């Protein structure tokens, strides 16, 4: 598997035509006149068995409105910048380190501003069925799901899913160094199927590593207006620094230091005055 360049252009209309071909019917428009002069984009694609990978990379300010096709779902893996997605009045902000799982039939409006990049893993719905001959149900009321390893909903499962997805993307760049493609794709599909099942933590004890992360994050949030380090957090929740490091790596895919930075940044963004 290797990347194939489909488009490299400063022309917004060229980009519209390529997106139409890859993602299906949509409506898109430049947000303002001057942004059109800075518009630039590259689109590459690669095959992963029955699934497809599409890499979008570029800059500009524009709006993209679409309805996800009924025959495919998309896992969006951002690598640079943030696309603001709005679904039924709810705003989702997938940033690098997260992902957005877009179910078939979902209407979305994306606002792109400035430089952004990422990969869409396009998954045919027949791969998502639980057993042979059983169709995968299109749940139009479910909407997309923000896969955020820094939240409290199946964080360890999200970390494992994102690792698998990144390995799949990496295989497009280094096919000789990556694990076998069918193995990567099977693992990813298995993770994606789980999002139609109940959260296992609803009826079972929360793992100790997850509990450490939650207690640490609660303490961090209460003390964001004060200087503190990893040792302070570990002492506050009565664990060793090493234990805290391992817990955050396994449950959040970041170090405690990175978690502190993200919480401070999110606090600053939420308290910033409107532009």
Protein backbone atom coordinates (compact mmCIF):
# COMPACT_ATOMS: atom_id res chain seq x y z
CA UNK A 1 0.00 0.00 0.00
CA UNK A 2 1.33 3.46 -0.90
CA UNK A 3 -0.03 7.00 -1.12
CA UNK A 4 -1.20 8.29 -4.49
CA UNK A 5 -1.56 12.05 -4.97
CA UNK A 6 -5.01 12.96 -6.31
CA UNK A 7 -4.82 16.74 -6.05
CA UNK A 8 -2.34 19.50 -5.33
CA UNK A 9 -3.90 22.85 -6.08
CA UNK A 10 -4.64 26.43 -5.02
CA UNK A 11 -7.99 26.27 -6.81
CA UNK A 12 -10.96 25.82 -4.49
CA UNK A 13 -13.13 24.48 -7.31
CA UNK A 14 -10.60 21.72 -8.02
CA UNK A 15 -10.77 20.78 -4.35
CA UNK A 16 -14.60 20.75 -4.42
CA UNK A 17 -14.61 18.36 -7.37
CA UNK A 18 -12.14 15.99 -5.67
CA UNK A 19 -14.09 15.94 -2.40
CA UNK A 20 -17.29 15.29 -4.33
CA UNK A 21 -15.68 12.25 -5.89
CA UNK A 22 -14.22 10.93 -2.63
CA UNK A 23 -16.87 11.72 -0.02
CA UNK A 24 -20.03 12.11 -2.07
CA UNK A 25 -22.48 15.03 -2.50
CA UNK A 26 -21.73 18.09 -0.39
CA UNK A 27 -21.95 21.86 -0.31
CA UNK A 28 -18.85 23.94 0.36
CA UNK A 29 -18.00 27.61 0.20
CA UNK A 30 -15.16 29.98 0.97
CA UNK A 31 -15.85 31.92 4.16
CA UNK A 32 -14.59 35.23 2.76
CA UNK A 33 -12.93 36.58 -0.39
CA UNK A 34 -9.34 37.07 0.87
CA UNK A 35 -9.21 33.49 2.16
CA UNK A 36 -9.53 32.21 -1.38
CA UNK A 37 -6.14 33.71 -2.21
CA UNK A 38 -4.49 31.65 0.55
CA UNK A 39 -6.35 28.44 -0.25
CA UNK A 40 -4.07 25.50 -0.92
CA UNK A 41 -4.67 21.80 -0.54
CA UNK A 42 -3.23 18.39 -1.24
CA UNK A 43 -5.29 15.21 -1.30
CA UNK A 44 -3.72 11.74 -1.31
CA UNK A 45 -5.31 8.32 -1.12
CA UNK A 46 -4.30 4.75 -0.35
CA UNK A 47 -6.07 1.40 -0.21
CA UNK A 48 -6.21 -0.76 2.89
CA UNK A 49 -7.96 -3.86 1.62
CA UNK A 50 -11.67 -3.05 1.39
CA UNK A 51 -11.16 0.21 3.30
CA UNK A 52 -9.68 3.44 1.92
CA UNK A 53 -7.46 6.13 3.39
CA UNK A 54 -7.73 9.75 2.24
CA UNK A 55 -5.25 12.34 3.47
CA UNK A 56 -6.27 16.01 3.41
CA UNK A 57 -3.58 18.65 3.96
CA UNK A 58 -3.63 22.39 3.38
CA UNK A 59 -4.94 25.76 4.44
CA UNK A 60 -7.75 28.21 3.85
CA UNK A 61 -11.02 29.26 5.44
CA UNK A 62 -14.13 27.50 4.20
CA UNK A 63 -17.29 25.66 5.22
CA UNK A 64 -18.08 22.07 4.22
CA UNK A 65 -21.64 20.76 4.59
CA UNK A 66 -22.39 17.12 3.84
CA UNK A 67 -24.37 14.03 4.79
CA UNK A 68 -22.28 10.95 5.36
CA UNK A 69 -23.19 8.31 2.75
CA UNK A 70 -25.28 5.38 3.97
CA UNK A 71 -22.85 2.79 2.62
CA UNK A 72 -19.76 3.93 4.51
CA UNK A 73 -18.55 5.30 7.82
CA UNK A 74 -15.51 7.53 8.36
CA UNK A 75 -12.91 7.69 11.11
CA UNK A 76 -11.29 11.15 10.93
CA UNK A 77 -7.77 11.32 12.44
CA UNK A 78 -6.62 14.97 12.68
CA UNK A 79 -2.86 15.56 12.63
CA UNK A 80 -2.72 19.37 12.45
CA UNK A 81 -5.18 22.14 13.26
CA UNK A 82 -8.81 21.80 14.30
CA UNK A 83 -11.97 21.46 12.19
CA UNK A 84 -15.08 22.62 14.03
CA UNK A 85 -17.86 20.14 13.27
CA UNK A 86 -21.48 21.00 14.07
CA UNK A 87 -24.16 18.30 14.28
CA UNK A 88 -27.73 19.14 15.36
CA UNK A 89 -26.51 22.27 17.13
CA UNK A 90 -23.72 20.43 18.98
CA UNK A 91 -20.15 21.54 18.31
CA UNK A 92 -17.36 18.95 18.22
CA UNK A 93 -13.69 19.93 18.13
CA UNK A 94 -11.50 16.94 17.26
CA UNK A 95 -7.87 17.95 17.65
CA UNK A 96 -4.62 16.01 17.15
CA UNK A 97 -4.58 13.13 19.61
CA UNK A 98 -8.33 12.55 19.17
CA UNK A 99 -10.54 11.18 16.39
CA UNK A 100 -14.07 11.63 15.08
CA UNK A 101 -16.17 8.56 14.28
CA UNK A 102 -18.80 9.56 11.69
CA UNK A 103 -21.61 7.06 11.26
CA UNK A 104 -23.47 6.59 7.96
CA UNK A 105 -26.31 9.05 7.32
CA UNK A 106 -24.93 11.73 9.67
CA UNK A 107 -25.38 15.38 8.54
CA UNK A 108 -22.38 17.59 9.42
CA UNK A 109 -21.19 21.13 8.93
CA UNK A 110 -17.43 21.61 9.19
CA UNK A 111 -15.72 24.98 9.60
CA UNK A 112 -12.09 24.95 8.53
CA UNK A 113 -9.90 27.93 9.35
CA UNK A 114 -6.17 28.12 8.64
CA UNK A 115 -3.82 25.18 8.27
CA UNK A 116 -5.25 21.73 8.90
CA UNK A 117 -4.41 18.14 8.04
CA UNK A 118 -5.59 14.65 8.79
CA UNK A 119 -6.59 11.27 7.41
CA UNK A 120 -10.07 9.88 6.81
CA UNK A 121 -10.29 6.10 7.10
CA UNK A 122 -13.33 5.21 4.99
CA UNK A 123 -14.96 1.97 6.15
CA UNK A 124 -17.70 0.20 4.12
CA UNK A 125 -20.64 -0.64 6.37
CA UNK A 126 -20.54 -4.33 5.45
CA UNK A 127 -17.26 -4.58 7.39
CA UNK A 128 -19.05 -3.42 10.54
CA UNK A 129 -21.69 -6.15 10.69
CA UNK A 130 -21.39 -8.41 13.74
CA UNK A 131 -22.10 -11.67 11.91
CA UNK A 132 -22.26 -12.93 8.34
CA UNK A 133 -25.41 -11.78 6.57
CA UNK A 134 -26.49 -9.40 9.35
CA UNK A 135 -26.69 -5.84 7.98
CA UNK A 136 -25.09 -3.06 9.99
CA UNK A 137 -27.86 -0.80 11.24
CA UNK A 138 -27.69 2.83 10.16
CA UNK A 139 -28.65 4.77 13.28
CA UNK A 140 -29.39 8.27 12.06
CA UNK A 141 -30.12 9.47 15.57
CA UNK A 142 -26.73 8.44 16.95
CA UNK A 143 -24.62 11.09 15.23
CA UNK A 144 -20.81 11.18 15.24
CA UNK A 145 -18.72 10.34 18.28
CA UNK A 146 -15.72 12.33 19.47
CA UNK A 147 -13.11 9.76 20.47
CA UNK A 148 -11.29 11.65 23.18
CA UNK A 149 -8.68 9.70 25.19
CA UNK A 150 -8.63 12.58 27.69
CA UNK A 151 -12.28 12.02 28.63
CA UNK A 152 -13.85 9.40 30.87
CA UNK A 153 -15.75 7.32 28.35
CA UNK A 154 -13.84 4.16 27.45
CA UNK A 155 -10.54 6.01 27.46
CA UNK A 156 -8.36 2.87 27.32
CA UNK A 157 -10.41 1.48 24.41
CA UNK A 158 -10.05 4.80 22.59
CA UNK A 159 -6.28 4.77 23.14
CA UNK A 160 -6.07 1.25 21.69
CA UNK A 161 -8.28 2.21 18.73
CA UNK A 162 -6.21 5.32 17.96
CA UNK A 163 -2.96 3.34 18.14
CA UNK A 164 -4.39 0.86 15.66
CA UNK A 165 -5.62 3.62 13.34
CA UNK A 166 -2.24 5.38 13.39
CA UNK A 167 -0.49 2.10 12.60
CA UNK A 168 -2.80 1.72 9.60
CA UNK A 169 -1.94 5.23 8.40
CA UNK A 170 1.76 4.63 9.02
CA UNK A 171 1.59 1.49 6.89
CA UNK A 172 0.70 3.71 3.93
CA UNK A 173 4.00 5.55 4.34
CA UNK A 174 6.23 2.62 5.30
CA UNK A 175 4.63 -0.55 3.93
CA UNK A 176 7.78 -2.61 4.41
CA UNK A 177 8.09 -1.72 8.11
CA UNK A 178 4.43 -2.01 9.14
CA UNK A 179 2.51 -5.06 10.40
CA UNK A 180 0.44 -6.94 7.77
CA UNK A 181 -2.42 -4.77 6.48
CA UNK A 182 -5.23 -7.34 7.02
CA UNK A 183 -4.18 -7.65 10.67
CA UNK A 184 -4.27 -3.88 11.19
CA UNK A 185 -7.62 -3.51 9.45
CA UNK A 186 -9.19 -6.40 11.37
CA UNK A 187 -8.04 -4.87 14.64
CA UNK A 188 -9.46 -1.47 13.74
CA UNK A 189 -12.82 -2.92 12.67
CA UNK A 190 -13.04 -4.90 15.91
CA UNK A 191 -12.56 -1.68 17.90
CA UNK A 192 -15.12 0.23 15.83
CA UNK A 193 -17.77 -2.45 16.28
CA UNK A 194 -17.52 -2.01 20.04
CA UNK A 195 -19.11 1.44 19.85
CA UNK A 196 -22.49 -0.24 19.28
CA UNK A 197 -22.14 -2.18 22.53
CA UNK A 198 -22.75 -0.94 26.11
CA UNK A 199 -19.87 0.61 28.03
CA UNK A 200 -18.34 -2.29 30.03
CA UNK A 201 -17.50 0.07 32.89
CA UNK A 202 -21.19 0.67 33.57
CA UNK A 203 -21.46 -2.72 35.26
CA UNK A 204 -17.89 -3.53 36.28
CA UNK A 205 -15.33 -1.87 38.57
CA UNK A 206 -13.26 0.86 36.92
CA UNK A 207 -9.64 -0.29 36.41
CA UNK A 208 -7.17 1.06 38.94
CA UNK A 209 -5.13 2.91 36.29
CA UNK A 210 -8.28 4.72 35.12
CA UNK A 211 -9.14 5.60 38.70
CA UNK A 212 -5.66 7.09 39.14
CA UNK A 213 -6.17 9.25 36.04
CA UNK A 214 -9.58 10.46 37.18
CA UNK A 215 -8.38 11.37 40.65
CA UNK A 216 -5.32 13.11 39.20
CA UNK A 217 -7.38 15.08 36.66
CA UNK A 218 -9.86 16.15 39.35
CA UNK A 219 -6.97 17.42 41.48
CA UNK A 220 -5.33 19.14 38.50
CA UNK A 221 -8.56 20.98 37.60
CA UNK A 222 -8.95 22.27 41.15
CA UNK A 223 -5.38 23.62 41.15
CA UNK A 224 -4.92 24.96 37.59
CA UNK A 225 -4.51 28.50 38.94
CA UNK A 226 -1.47 27.36 40.94
CA UNK A 227 1.98 26.10 39.90
CA UNK A 228 2.40 22.35 40.42
CA UNK A 229 4.23 19.37 38.94
CA UNK A 230 3.85 15.63 38.59
CA UNK A 231 5.21 14.94 42.08
CA UNK A 232 2.57 17.22 43.61
CA UNK A 233 -0.19 15.37 41.77
CA UNK A 234 1.18 11.94 42.71
CA UNK A 235 1.51 12.94 46.38
CA UNK A 236 -2.02 14.34 46.40
CA UNK A 237 -3.61 11.08 45.22
CA UNK A 238 -1.13 8.88 47.18
CA UNK A 239 0.63 7.04 44.34
CA UNK A 240 4.20 6.88 43.07
CA UNK A 241 5.21 9.17 40.19
CA UNK A 242 6.04 6.10 38.10
CA UNK A 243 2.57 4.68 38.72
CA UNK A 244 1.00 7.94 37.60
CA UNK A 245 3.15 7.98 34.44
CA UNK A 246 2.17 4.41 33.53
CA UNK A 247 -1.52 5.06 34.25
CA UNK A 248 -1.68 8.12 31.97
CA UNK A 249 0.20 6.35 29.20
CA UNK A 250 -2.13 3.35 29.26
CA UNK A 251 -5.42 5.22 29.75
CA UNK A 252 -4.83 8.61 28.07
CA UNK A 253 -1.88 8.02 25.70
CA UNK A 254 -0.11 11.09 27.14
CA UNK A 255 2.23 11.82 30.00
CA UNK A 256 0.87 13.57 33.12
CA UNK A 257 2.84 16.66 32.06
CA UNK A 258 1.07 16.71 28.69
CA UNK A 259 -2.27 16.24 30.46
CA UNK A 260 -1.55 19.29 32.64
CA UNK A 261 -0.68 21.37 29.55
CA UNK A 262 -3.90 20.34 27.80
CA UNK A 263 -6.06 21.14 30.84
CA UNK A 264 -4.42 24.56 31.18
CA UNK A 265 -4.91 25.26 27.48
CA UNK A 266 -8.56 24.19 27.53
CA UNK A 267 -9.16 26.31 30.64
CA UNK A 268 -7.59 29.31 28.90
CA UNK A 269 -9.64 28.76 25.73
CA UNK A 270 -12.92 28.45 27.64
CA UNK A 271 -12.22 31.64 29.60
CA UNK A 272 -10.96 33.69 26.66
CA UNK A 273 -13.20 36.61 25.65
CA UNK A 274 -14.95 36.34 22.25
CA UNK A 275 -12.82 37.55 19.35
